[in-house]
Amino acid sequence: MSMIAFQTLPFGTEAAKRLAARLGLASDEMTLHRFPDGELRVTVAPAADTTILYAALDQPNDKLIALLFAAEALRRGGAKRLVLVAPYLCYMRQDIAFHAGEAISQRAMGTLLATIVDRVVTVDAHLHRTPDIAAVFPGIEAENLSAMPAIANALVAAGIDPATVVIGPDAESEPWVRDLAGRLDLQHTVARKLRRGDRSVEIDFADAALLAGRPALMVDDIVSSGTTLMVAAKTLRAMGASAVDSVVTHALFPPAMSAAFADAGIRSIRSSDSVPHPTNAIALDEILAAALKRELNTILPPETTT
């Protein structure tokens, strides 16, 4: 039995292959069969002492069942350590019960994954009131990486106007905005947002003079409905921004919404490859590989790692 392996669900395989190649590992793709009643059969490659499982967990429900079954097969096949790489980690937004009777999905998901893997590596998890991702996964290792180094490198390579103002569409985006602006040596500001529903928000900026006549770059972790992004873009254009672009870690919105974003005044949207999407323009394999190197260094002689 080999000492380390890399396996992936059959979703997001291009990003998975890039990561495996950077780690110097072959990438094996699990096979999924769907029975007529919707049940799944999962078949994995031969087990290894340590197996890295790559899964982009957008549209998560079938994928979570597939992960559960894959872990069972790998453990039974002799795997001693399972490392889940989930660049997008699902069910993190509901960290409290906002109304009586609601499930706390973050708690349930953390408990489930902690029973089937030994380590979780993710990127820009949607944690509101949870300061440390370790609290989500009791008894196992967990890291929440920042996509900002990869985003900054991509923006520098593409070229960015030094007059650009980095914009956060709400207070929750402030850590990403501050980090990215610092890496690019740009000014930044964060909007004030009042949410009235999933698709109804109001946005305003305190420092209008900073934005007039300058390009704006909106930064956020997740774009799902796109409402906040579109309202912010319209507000920025009304305040005199010369252009509005956006970068996002996790693009969860339907690709068909690109026309609505353009109508709202957004010139371009670039996303990381945490989930497969037509807007993918920023690879995360470098930051993920850096986090996973110790798995290889623990198991393989130093000269075999890359």
C-alpha atoms as a PDB file:
ATOM      1  CA  MET A   1       0.000   0.000   0.000  1.00  0.00           C
ATOM      2  CA  SER A   2       1.350   3.429  -0.963  1.00  0.00           C
ATOM      3  CA  MET A   3       2.052   5.908   1.840  1.00  0.00           C
ATOM      4  CA  ILE A   4       0.150   8.939   0.498  1.00  0.00           C
ATOM      5  CA  ALA A   5      -2.551   9.438  -2.124  1.00  0.00           C
ATOM      6  CA  PHE A   6      -4.724  12.181  -3.549  1.00  0.00           C
ATOM      7  CA  GLN A   7      -8.336  11.477  -4.462  1.00  0.00           C
ATOM      8  CA  THR A   8     -11.084  13.794  -5.617  1.00  0.00           C
ATOM      9  CA  LEU A   9     -14.814  13.764  -6.105  1.00  0.00           C
ATOM     10  CA  PRO A  10     -15.754  14.127  -9.793  1.00  0.00           C
ATOM     11  CA  PHE A  11     -16.442  17.858  -9.389  1.00  0.00           C
ATOM     12  CA  GLY A  12     -13.862  20.649  -9.688  1.00  0.00           C
ATOM     13  CA  THR A  13     -11.313  18.190 -11.007  1.00  0.00           C
ATOM     14  CA  GLU A  14      -9.198  20.716 -12.923  1.00  0.00           C
ATOM     15  CA  ALA A  15      -8.324  22.655  -9.755  1.00  0.00           C
ATOM     16  CA  ALA A  16      -7.753  19.342  -7.960  1.00  0.00           C
ATOM     17  CA  LYS A  17      -5.339  18.154 -10.670  1.00  0.00           C
ATOM     18  CA  ARG A  18      -3.344  21.391 -10.436  1.00  0.00           C
ATOM     19  CA  LEU A  19      -3.029  20.977  -6.684  1.00  0.00           C
ATOM     20  CA  ALA A  20      -2.017  17.324  -6.941  1.00  0.00           C
ATOM     21  CA  ALA A  21       0.602  18.184  -9.562  1.00  0.00           C
ATOM     22  CA  ARG A  22       2.026  20.920  -7.362  1.00  0.00           C
ATOM     23  CA  LEU A  23       2.328  18.371  -4.548  1.00  0.00           C
ATOM     24  CA  GLY A  24       3.957  15.838  -6.868  1.00  0.00           C
ATOM     25  CA  LEU A  25       1.083  13.365  -6.471  1.00  0.00           C
ATOM     26  CA  ALA A  26      -1.104  11.501  -8.924  1.00  0.00           C
ATOM     27  CA  SER A  27      -4.788  12.454  -8.745  1.00  0.00           C
ATOM     28  CA  ASP A  28      -7.351   9.643  -8.648  1.00  0.00           C
ATOM     29  CA  GLU A  29     -10.996  10.459  -9.305  1.00  0.00           C
ATOM     30  CA  MET A  30     -13.674   8.588  -7.360  1.00  0.00           C
ATOM     31  CA  THR A  31     -16.569   7.202  -9.349  1.00  0.00           C
ATOM     32  CA  LEU A  32     -20.180   7.864  -8.427  1.00  0.00           C
ATOM     33  CA  HIS A  33     -23.136   5.823  -9.620  1.00  0.00           C
ATOM     34  CA  ARG A  34     -26.688   7.055  -9.068  1.00  0.00           C
ATOM     35  CA  PHE A  35     -29.409   4.444  -8.700  1.00  0.00           C
ATOM     36  CA  PRO A  36     -32.897   5.164 -10.082  1.00  0.00           C
ATOM     37  CA  ASP A  37     -34.163   6.146  -6.622  1.00  0.00           C
ATOM     38  CA  GLY A  38     -31.359   8.701  -6.185  1.00  0.00           C
ATOM     39  CA  GLU A  39     -29.083   6.682  -3.896  1.00  0.00           C
ATOM     40  CA  LEU A  40     -25.356   6.787  -4.602  1.00  0.00           C
ATOM     41  CA  ARG A  41     -22.697   4.130  -4.944  1.00  0.00           C
ATOM     42  CA  VAL A  42     -19.149   5.436  -4.414  1.00  0.00           C
ATOM     43  CA  THR A  43     -15.996   3.646  -5.563  1.00  0.00           C
ATOM     44  CA  VAL A  44     -12.544   4.876  -4.498  1.00  0.00           C
ATOM     45  CA  ALA A  45      -9.018   4.107  -5.660  1.00  0.00           C
ATOM     46  CA  PRO A  46      -6.838   1.853  -3.478  1.00  0.00           C
ATOM     47  CA  ALA A  47      -6.261   3.188   0.017  1.00  0.00           C
ATOM     48  CA  ALA A  48      -3.050   4.830   1.250  1.00  0.00           C
ATOM     49  CA  ASP A  49      -1.760   5.424   4.753  1.00  0.00           C
ATOM     50  CA  THR A  50      -2.651   9.101   4.280  1.00  0.00           C
ATOM     51  CA  THR A  51      -5.212  10.182   1.696  1.00  0.00           C
ATOM     52  CA  ILE A  52      -5.930  13.767   0.732  1.00  0.00           C
ATOM     53  CA  LEU A  53      -9.591  14.114  -0.279  1.00  0.00           C
ATOM     54  CA  TYR A  54     -10.361  17.109  -2.485  1.00  0.00           C
ATOM     55  CA  ALA A  55     -13.967  18.273  -2.635  1.00  0.00           C
ATOM     56  CA  ALA A  56     -15.397  21.616  -3.699  1.00  0.00           C
ATOM     57  CA  LEU A  57     -18.503  21.631  -1.511  1.00  0.00           C
ATOM     58  CA  ASP A  58     -20.825  23.909  -3.427  1.00  0.00           C
ATOM     59  CA  GLN A  59     -24.176  22.233  -4.199  1.00  0.00           C
ATOM     60  CA  PRO A  60     -23.168  20.090  -1.234  1.00  0.00           C
ATOM     61  CA  ASN A  61     -25.780  17.505  -0.355  1.00  0.00           C
ATOM     62  CA  ASP A  62     -24.831  14.636  -2.682  1.00  0.00           C
ATOM     63  CA  LYS A  63     -21.150  15.490  -2.222  1.00  0.00           C
ATOM     64  CA  LEU A  64     -21.384  15.122   1.547  1.00  0.00           C
ATOM     65  CA  ILE A  65     -22.940  11.679   1.207  1.00  0.00           C
ATOM     66  CA  ALA A  66     -20.222  10.759  -1.296  1.00  0.00           C
ATOM     67  CA  LEU A  67     -17.525  11.914   1.153  1.00  0.00           C
ATOM     68  CA  LEU A  68     -19.073   9.871   3.944  1.00  0.00           C
ATOM     69  CA  PHE A  69     -19.090   6.745   1.780  1.00  0.00           C
ATOM     70  CA  ALA A  70     -15.572   7.405   0.443  1.00  0.00           C
ATOM     71  CA  ALA A  71     -14.212   7.740   3.976  1.00  0.00           C
ATOM     72  CA  GLU A  72     -15.805   4.432   4.951  1.00  0.00           C
ATOM     73  CA  ALA A  73     -14.218   2.660   1.978  1.00  0.00           C
ATOM     74  CA  LEU A  74     -10.794   4.222   2.531  1.00  0.00           C
ATOM     75  CA  ARG A  75     -10.706   3.486   6.272  1.00  0.00           C
ATOM     76  CA  ARG A  76     -11.738  -0.106   5.614  1.00  0.00           C
ATOM     77  CA  GLY A  77      -9.031  -0.279   2.951  1.00  0.00           C
ATOM     78  CA  GLY A  78      -6.357   0.681   5.469  1.00  0.00           C
ATOM     79  CA  ALA A  79      -6.197   4.494   5.401  1.00  0.00           C
ATOM     80  CA  LYS A  80      -4.937   5.788   8.734  1.00  0.00           C
ATOM     81  CA  ARG A  81      -5.269   9.514   8.059  1.00  0.00           C
ATOM     82  CA  LEU A  82      -7.798  11.403   5.904  1.00  0.00           C
ATOM     83  CA  VAL A  83      -7.241  15.060   5.057  1.00  0.00           C
ATOM     84  CA  LEU A  84     -10.195  16.919   3.567  1.00  0.00           C
ATOM     85  CA  VAL A  85      -9.342  19.825   1.275  1.00  0.00           C
ATOM     86  CA  ALA A  86     -12.582  21.745   0.778  1.00  0.00           C
ATOM     87  CA  PRO A  87     -11.686  25.123  -0.765  1.00  0.00           C
ATOM     88  CA  TYR A  88     -15.334  26.083  -0.315  1.00  0.00           C
ATOM     89  CA  LEU A  89     -16.822  24.754   2.921  1.00  0.00           C
ATOM     90  CA  CYS A  90     -20.602  24.456   2.942  1.00  0.00           C
ATOM     91  CA  TYR A  91     -23.146  25.131   5.685  1.00  0.00           C
ATOM     92  CA  MET A  92     -21.008  27.605   7.633  1.00  0.00           C
ATOM     93  CA  ARG A  93     -23.359  30.630   7.418  1.00  0.00           C
ATOM     94  CA  GLN A  94     -25.914  29.353   9.972  1.00  0.00           C
ATOM     95  CA  ASP A  95     -23.839  29.560  13.166  1.00  0.00           C
ATOM     96  CA  ILE A  96     -26.729  30.387  15.507  1.00  0.00           C
ATOM     97  CA  ALA A  97     -30.476  29.728  15.526  1.00  0.00           C
ATOM     98  CA  PHE A  98     -31.955  33.016  14.332  1.00  0.00           C
ATOM     99  CA  HIS A  99     -35.504  31.782  14.957  1.00  0.00           C
ATOM    100  CA  ALA A 100     -37.001  29.136  17.227  1.00  0.00           C
ATOM    101  CA  GLY A 101     -36.650  25.637  15.834  1.00  0.00           C
ATOM    102  CA  GLU A 102     -33.868  26.382  13.337  1.00  0.00           C
ATOM    103  CA  ALA A 103     -30.977  23.960  13.024  1.00  0.00           C
ATOM    104  CA  ILE A 104     -27.457  25.319  13.523  1.00  0.00           C
ATOM    105  CA  SER A 105     -25.965  23.908  10.334  1.00  0.00           C
ATOM    106  CA  GLN A 106     -22.395  24.948  11.159  1.00  0.00           C
ATOM    107  CA  ARG A 107     -22.436  22.892  14.339  1.00  0.00           C
ATOM    108  CA  ALA A 108     -24.017  19.859  12.680  1.00  0.00           C
ATOM    109  CA  MET A 109     -21.622  19.968   9.724  1.00  0.00           C
ATOM    110  CA  GLY A 110     -18.567  20.393  11.935  1.00  0.00           C
ATOM    111  CA  THR A 111     -19.558  17.415  14.055  1.00  0.00           C
ATOM    112  CA  LEU A 112     -20.214  15.245  10.990  1.00  0.00           C
ATOM    113  CA  LEU A 113     -16.929  15.994   9.230  1.00  0.00           C
ATOM    114  CA  ALA A 114     -14.970  15.616  12.469  1.00  0.00           C
ATOM    115  CA  THR A 115     -16.163  12.013  12.680  1.00  0.00           C
ATOM    116  CA  ILE A 116     -14.924  11.044   9.195  1.00  0.00           C
ATOM    117  CA  VAL A 117     -11.664  12.958   8.602  1.00  0.00           C
ATOM    118  CA  ASP A 118      -8.603  13.897  10.651  1.00  0.00           C
ATOM    119  CA  ARG A 119      -7.935  17.346   9.208  1.00  0.00           C
ATOM    120  CA  VAL A 120      -9.894  19.979   7.282  1.00  0.00           C
ATOM    121  CA  VAL A 121      -8.256  22.626   5.094  1.00  0.00           C
ATOM    122  CA  THR A 122     -10.515  25.323   3.645  1.00  0.00           C
ATOM    123  CA  VAL A 123     -10.327  28.882   2.292  1.00  0.00           C
ATOM    124  CA  ASP A 124     -12.203  31.963   3.536  1.00  0.00           C
ATOM    125  CA  ALA A 125     -14.839  29.979   5.397  1.00  0.00           C
ATOM    126  CA  HIS A 126     -17.992  32.025   5.967  1.00  0.00           C
ATOM    127  CA  LEU A 127     -17.545  32.430   9.725  1.00  0.00           C
ATOM    128  CA  HIS A 128     -19.497  35.291  11.279  1.00  0.00           C
ATOM    129  CA  ARG A 129     -19.466  34.847  15.030  1.00  0.00           C
ATOM    130  CA  THR A 130     -16.950  31.968  15.163  1.00  0.00           C
ATOM    131  CA  PRO A 131     -13.477  33.491  15.615  1.00  0.00           C
ATOM    132  CA  ASP A 132     -11.541  30.228  15.197  1.00  0.00           C
ATOM    133  CA  ILE A 133     -12.436  27.455  12.768  1.00  0.00           C
ATOM    134  CA  ALA A 134     -11.017  24.933  15.225  1.00  0.00           C
ATOM    135  CA  ALA A 135     -14.173  25.478  17.276  1.00  0.00           C
ATOM    136  CA  VAL A 136     -16.240  24.137  14.359  1.00  0.00           C
ATOM    137  CA  PHE A 137     -14.394  20.804  14.212  1.00  0.00           C
ATOM    138  CA  PRO A 138     -14.079  19.247  17.673  1.00  0.00           C
ATOM    139  CA  GLY A 139     -11.089  16.988  18.188  1.00  0.00           C
ATOM    140  CA  ILE A 140      -9.459  17.325  14.743  1.00  0.00           C
ATOM    141  CA  GLU A 141      -7.119  19.744  12.979  1.00  0.00           C
ATOM    142  CA  ALA A 142      -8.634  22.559  10.924  1.00  0.00           C
ATOM    143  CA  GLU A 143      -7.219  25.529   9.002  1.00  0.00           C
ATOM    144  CA  ASN A 144      -9.048  28.415   7.395  1.00  0.00           C
ATOM    145  CA  LEU A 145      -6.674  29.861   4.777  1.00  0.00           C
ATOM    146  CA  SER A 146      -6.950  33.320   3.274  1.00  0.00           C
ATOM    147  CA  ALA A 147      -7.335  33.709  -0.487  1.00  0.00           C
ATOM    148  CA  MET A 148      -5.982  37.257  -0.333  1.00  0.00           C
ATOM    149  CA  PRO A 149      -2.337  36.337  -1.161  1.00  0.00           C
ATOM    150  CA  ALA A 150      -3.491  34.519  -4.304  1.00  0.00           C
ATOM    151  CA  ILE A 151      -5.884  37.325  -5.251  1.00  0.00           C
ATOM    152  CA  ALA A 152      -3.207  39.978  -4.719  1.00  0.00           C
ATOM    153  CA  ASN A 153      -0.707  38.076  -6.883  1.00  0.00           C
ATOM    154  CA  ALA A 154      -3.275  37.678  -9.659  1.00  0.00           C
ATOM    155  CA  LEU A 155      -4.174  41.375  -9.595  1.00  0.00           C
ATOM    156  CA  VAL A 156      -0.521  42.426  -9.709  1.00  0.00           C
ATOM    157  CA  ALA A 157       0.125  40.085 -12.633  1.00  0.00           C
ATOM    158  CA  ALA A 158      -2.889  41.452 -14.515  1.00  0.00           C
ATOM    159  CA  GLY A 159      -2.060  45.070 -13.673  1.00  0.00           C
ATOM    160  CA  ILE A 160      -4.087  47.351 -11.419  1.00  0.00           C
ATOM    161  CA  ASP A 161      -4.526  51.132 -11.464  1.00  0.00           C
ATOM    162  CA  PRO A 162      -2.714  52.599  -8.416  1.00  0.00           C
ATOM    163  CA  ALA A 163      -5.664  54.985  -7.951  1.00  0.00           C
ATOM    164  CA  THR A 164      -7.998  52.044  -7.267  1.00  0.00           C
ATOM    165  CA  VAL A 165      -9.949  52.059  -4.003  1.00  0.00           C
ATOM    166  CA  VAL A 166     -10.553  48.600  -2.515  1.00  0.00           C
ATOM    167  CA  ILE A 167     -14.182  48.343  -1.407  1.00  0.00           C
ATOM    168  CA  GLY A 168     -15.905  46.134   1.122  1.00  0.00           C
ATOM    169  CA  PRO A 169     -19.667  45.792   0.541  1.00  0.00           C
ATOM    170  CA  ASP A 170     -20.360  45.298   4.259  1.00  0.00           C
ATOM    171  CA  ALA A 171     -18.667  45.295   7.658  1.00  0.00           C
ATOM    172  CA  GLU A 172     -18.038  41.529   7.505  1.00  0.00           C
ATOM    173  CA  SER A 173     -15.769  42.017   4.482  1.00  0.00           C
ATOM    174  CA  GLU A 174     -13.458  44.441   6.309  1.00  0.00           C
ATOM    175  CA  PRO A 175     -10.710  41.897   7.191  1.00  0.00           C
ATOM    176  CA  TRP A 176     -10.354  40.787   3.543  1.00  0.00           C
ATOM    177  CA  VAL A 177     -10.518  44.355   2.262  1.00  0.00           C
ATOM    178  CA  ARG A 178      -7.883  45.617   4.694  1.00  0.00           C
ATOM    179  CA  ASP A 179      -5.595  42.674   3.958  1.00  0.00           C
ATOM    180  CA  LEU A 180      -5.845  42.979   0.170  1.00  0.00           C
ATOM    181  CA  ALA A 181      -5.469  46.772   0.181  1.00  0.00           C
ATOM    182  CA  GLY A 182      -2.357  46.447   2.331  1.00  0.00           C
ATOM    183  CA  ARG A 183      -0.807  43.903  -0.036  1.00  0.00           C
ATOM    184  CA  LEU A 184      -1.488  46.174  -3.031  1.00  0.00           C
ATOM    185  CA  ASP A 185      -0.658  49.460  -1.253  1.00  0.00           C
ATOM    186  CA  LEU A 186      -4.105  50.865  -2.085  1.00  0.00           C
ATOM    187  CA  GLN A 187      -6.666  52.851  -0.123  1.00  0.00           C
ATOM    188  CA  HIS A 188      -9.778  51.071   1.087  1.00  0.00           C
ATOM    189  CA  THR A 189     -13.197  51.679   2.597  1.00  0.00           C
ATOM    190  CA  VAL A 190     -16.147  49.561   3.738  1.00  0.00           C
ATOM    191  CA  ALA A 191     -19.840  50.193   3.093  1.00  0.00           C
ATOM    192  CA  ARG A 192     -22.600  50.300   5.639  1.00  0.00           C
ATOM    193  CA  LYS A 193     -25.244  47.698   4.755  1.00  0.00           C
ATOM    194  CA  LEU A 194     -28.788  47.305   5.972  1.00  0.00           C
ATOM    195  CA  ARG A 195     -30.243  43.948   4.926  1.00  0.00           C
ATOM    196  CA  ARG A 196     -34.013  43.707   4.683  1.00  0.00           C
ATOM    197  CA  GLY A 197     -34.116  40.203   3.215  1.00  0.00           C
ATOM    198  CA  ASP A 198     -32.148  37.742   1.035  1.00  0.00           C
ATOM    199  CA  ARG A 199     -32.613  40.024  -1.992  1.00  0.00           C
ATOM    200  CA  SER A 200     -33.225  43.424  -0.421  1.00  0.00           C
ATOM    201  CA  VAL A 201     -30.355  45.544   0.924  1.00  0.00           C
ATOM    202  CA  GLU A 202     -29.456  49.202   1.297  1.00  0.00           C
ATOM    203  CA  ILE A 203     -25.834  50.384   1.068  1.00  0.00           C
ATOM    204  CA  ASP A 204     -24.074  53.683   1.628  1.00  0.00           C
ATOM    205  CA  PHE A 205     -20.499  54.918   2.018  1.00  0.00           C
ATOM    206  CA  ALA A 206     -19.377  57.489   4.561  1.00  0.00           C
ATOM    207  CA  ASP A 207     -16.424  58.854   2.555  1.00  0.00           C
ATOM    208  CA  ALA A 208     -17.880  59.787  -0.838  1.00  0.00           C
ATOM    209  CA  ALA A 209     -14.975  62.123  -1.639  1.00  0.00           C
ATOM    210  CA  LEU A 210     -12.573  59.165  -1.619  1.00  0.00           C
ATOM    211  CA  LEU A 211     -14.474  57.429  -4.428  1.00  0.00           C
ATOM    212  CA  ALA A 212     -15.245  60.177  -6.927  1.00  0.00           C
ATOM    213  CA  GLY A 213     -13.397  59.755 -10.235  1.00  0.00           C
ATOM    214  CA  ARG A 214     -11.471  56.670  -9.125  1.00  0.00           C
ATOM    215  CA  PRO A 215     -11.802  52.966 -10.020  1.00  0.00           C
ATOM    216  CA  ALA A 216     -13.349  50.768  -7.345  1.00  0.00           C
ATOM    217  CA  LEU A 217     -12.512  47.110  -6.657  1.00  0.00           C
ATOM    218  CA  MET A 218     -15.143  45.315  -4.580  1.00  0.00           C
ATOM    219  CA  VAL A 219     -13.893  42.366  -2.513  1.00  0.00           C
ATOM    220  CA  ASP A 220     -16.004  39.692  -0.810  1.00  0.00           C
ATOM    221  CA  ASP A 221     -15.749  36.091   0.309  1.00  0.00           C
ATOM    222  CA  ILE A 222     -18.999  34.784  -1.217  1.00  0.00           C
ATOM    223  CA  VAL A 223     -21.338  35.979  -3.939  1.00  0.00           C
ATOM    224  CA  SER A 224     -24.514  33.910  -3.975  1.00  0.00           C
ATOM    225  CA  SER A 225     -27.638  35.915  -4.780  1.00  0.00           C
ATOM    226  CA  GLY A 226     -25.492  38.846  -5.958  1.00  0.00           C
ATOM    227  CA  THR A 227     -27.865  41.435  -4.485  1.00  0.00           C
ATOM    228  CA  THR A 228     -25.288  43.109  -2.251  1.00  0.00           C
ATOM    229  CA  LEU A 229     -22.756  43.307  -5.073  1.00  0.00           C
ATOM    230  CA  MET A 230     -25.213  44.890  -7.509  1.00  0.00           C
ATOM    231  CA  VAL A 231     -26.550  47.429  -5.017  1.00  0.00           C
ATOM    232  CA  ALA A 232     -23.004  48.378  -4.023  1.00  0.00           C
ATOM    233  CA  ALA A 233     -21.972  48.775  -7.668  1.00  0.00           C
ATOM    234  CA  LYS A 234     -24.931  51.043  -8.438  1.00  0.00           C
ATOM    235  CA  THR A 235     -24.139  53.112  -5.347  1.00  0.00           C
ATOM    236  CA  LEU A 236     -20.479  53.420  -6.331  1.00  0.00           C
ATOM    237  CA  ARG A 237     -21.296  54.503  -9.873  1.00  0.00           C
ATOM    238  CA  ALA A 238     -23.796  57.061  -8.552  1.00  0.00           C
ATOM    239  CA  MET A 239     -21.053  58.446  -6.310  1.00  0.00           C
ATOM    240  CA  GLY A 240     -18.759  58.952  -9.277  1.00  0.00           C
ATOM    241  CA  ALA A 241     -16.537  55.857  -9.357  1.00  0.00           C
ATOM    242  CA  SER A 242     -14.913  55.724 -12.794  1.00  0.00           C
ATOM    243  CA  ALA A 243     -15.173  51.919 -12.995  1.00  0.00           C
ATOM    244  CA  VAL A 244     -16.316  49.081 -10.753  1.00  0.00           C
ATOM    245  CA  ASP A 245     -14.707  45.634 -10.747  1.00  0.00           C
ATOM    246  CA  SER A 246     -15.053  42.769  -8.294  1.00  0.00           C
ATOM    247  CA  VAL A 247     -13.025  39.876  -6.946  1.00  0.00           C
ATOM    248  CA  VAL A 248     -14.573  37.117  -4.879  1.00  0.00           C
ATOM    249  CA  THR A 249     -13.248  33.962  -3.289  1.00  0.00           C
ATOM    250  CA  HIS A 250     -16.355  31.810  -3.795  1.00  0.00           C
ATOM    251  CA  ALA A 251     -18.554  32.377  -6.847  1.00  0.00           C
ATOM    252  CA  LEU A 252     -21.829  30.614  -6.050  1.00  0.00           C
ATOM    253  CA  PHE A 253     -24.106  32.678  -8.282  1.00  0.00           C
ATOM    254  CA  PRO A 254     -25.613  31.282 -11.499  1.00  0.00           C
ATOM    255  CA  PRO A 255     -23.412  32.161 -14.502  1.00  0.00           C
ATOM    256  CA  ALA A 256     -26.446  33.689 -16.214  1.00  0.00           C
ATOM    257  CA  MET A 257     -26.360  36.487 -13.646  1.00  0.00           C
ATOM    258  CA  SER A 258     -23.315  37.988 -15.348  1.00  0.00           C
ATOM    259  CA  ALA A 259     -25.619  40.087 -17.540  1.00  0.00           C
ATOM    260  CA  ALA A 260     -27.378  41.503 -14.469  1.00  0.00           C
ATOM    261  CA  PHE A 261     -24.012  42.371 -12.924  1.00  0.00           C
ATOM    262  CA  ALA A 262     -23.001  44.207 -16.080  1.00  0.00           C
ATOM    263  CA  ASP A 263     -26.320  46.096 -16.075  1.00  0.00           C
ATOM    264  CA  ALA A 264     -25.578  47.129 -12.478  1.00  0.00           C
ATOM    265  CA  GLY A 265     -22.315  48.705 -13.620  1.00  0.00           C
ATOM    266  CA  ILE A 266     -19.842  45.958 -12.762  1.00  0.00           C
ATOM    267  CA  ARG A 267     -17.161  45.850 -15.434  1.00  0.00           C
ATOM    268  CA  SER A 268     -15.646  42.491 -14.453  1.00  0.00           C
ATOM    269  CA  ILE A 269     -15.925  39.757 -11.834  1.00  0.00           C
ATOM    270  CA  ARG A 270     -13.010  37.455 -11.091  1.00  0.00           C
ATOM    271  CA  SER A 271     -13.250  34.528  -8.691  1.00  0.00           C
ATOM    272  CA  SER A 272     -10.920  31.945  -7.238  1.00  0.00           C
ATOM    273  CA  ASP A 273     -11.181  28.342  -8.383  1.00  0.00           C
ATOM    274  CA  SER A 274     -12.603  27.214  -5.029  1.00  0.00           C
ATOM    275  CA  VAL A 275     -15.670  26.113  -7.013  1.00  0.00           C
ATOM    276  CA  PRO A 276     -15.820  25.626 -10.797  1.00  0.00           C
ATOM    277  CA  HIS A 277     -17.302  28.765 -12.380  1.00  0.00           C
ATOM    278  CA  PRO A 278     -16.918  30.718 -15.644  1.00  0.00           C
ATOM    279  CA  THR A 279     -15.467  33.638 -13.648  1.00  0.00           C
ATOM    280  CA  ASN A 280     -12.566  31.581 -12.267  1.00  0.00           C
ATOM    281  CA  ALA A 281      -9.363  33.559 -12.758  1.00  0.00           C
ATOM    282  CA  ILE A 282      -7.424  33.020  -9.515  1.00  0.00           C
ATOM    283  CA  ALA A 283      -5.809  29.663  -8.702  1.00  0.00           C
ATOM    284  CA  LEU A 284      -5.605  28.556  -5.081  1.00  0.00           C
ATOM    285  CA  ASP A 285      -3.228  25.628  -5.567  1.00  0.00           C
ATOM    286  CA  GLU A 286      -0.188  27.524  -4.249  1.00  0.00           C
ATOM    287  CA  ILE A 287      -1.707  28.424  -0.880  1.00  0.00           C
ATOM    288  CA  LEU A 288      -3.322  24.996  -0.517  1.00  0.00           C
ATOM    289  CA  ALA A 289      -0.072  23.214  -1.364  1.00  0.00           C
ATOM    290  CA  ALA A 290       1.800  25.261   1.230  1.00  0.00           C
ATOM    291  CA  ALA A 291      -0.694  24.141   3.888  1.00  0.00           C
ATOM    292  CA  LEU A 292      -0.416  20.496   2.805  1.00  0.00           C
ATOM    293  CA  LYS A 293       3.371  20.278   2.534  1.00  0.00           C
ATOM    294  CA  ARG A 294       3.739  18.973   6.068  1.00  0.00           C
ATOM    295  CA  GLU A 295       1.616  15.950   5.153  1.00  0.00           C
ATOM    296  CA  LEU A 296       4.203  15.063   2.528  1.00  0.00           C
ATOM    297  CA  ASN A 297       7.182  15.993   4.679  1.00  0.00           C
ATOM    298  CA  THR A 298       5.941  13.737   7.472  1.00  0.00           C
ATOM    299  CA  ILE A 299       5.596  10.743   5.203  1.00  0.00           C
ATOM    300  CA  LEU A 300       8.040  11.139   2.320  1.00  0.00           C
ATOM    301  CA  PRO A 301      11.794  11.767   2.270  1.00  0.00           C
ATOM    302  CA  PRO A 302      12.481  15.511   1.710  1.00  0.00           C
ATOM    303  CA  GLU A 303      13.932  15.008  -1.768  1.00  0.00           C
ATOM    304  CA  THR A 304      10.630  13.585  -3.087  1.00  0.00           C
ATOM    305  CA  THR A 305       8.588  16.719  -2.247  1.00  0.00           C
ATOM    306  CA  THR A 306       8.256  19.735  -4.502  1.00  0.00           C
END
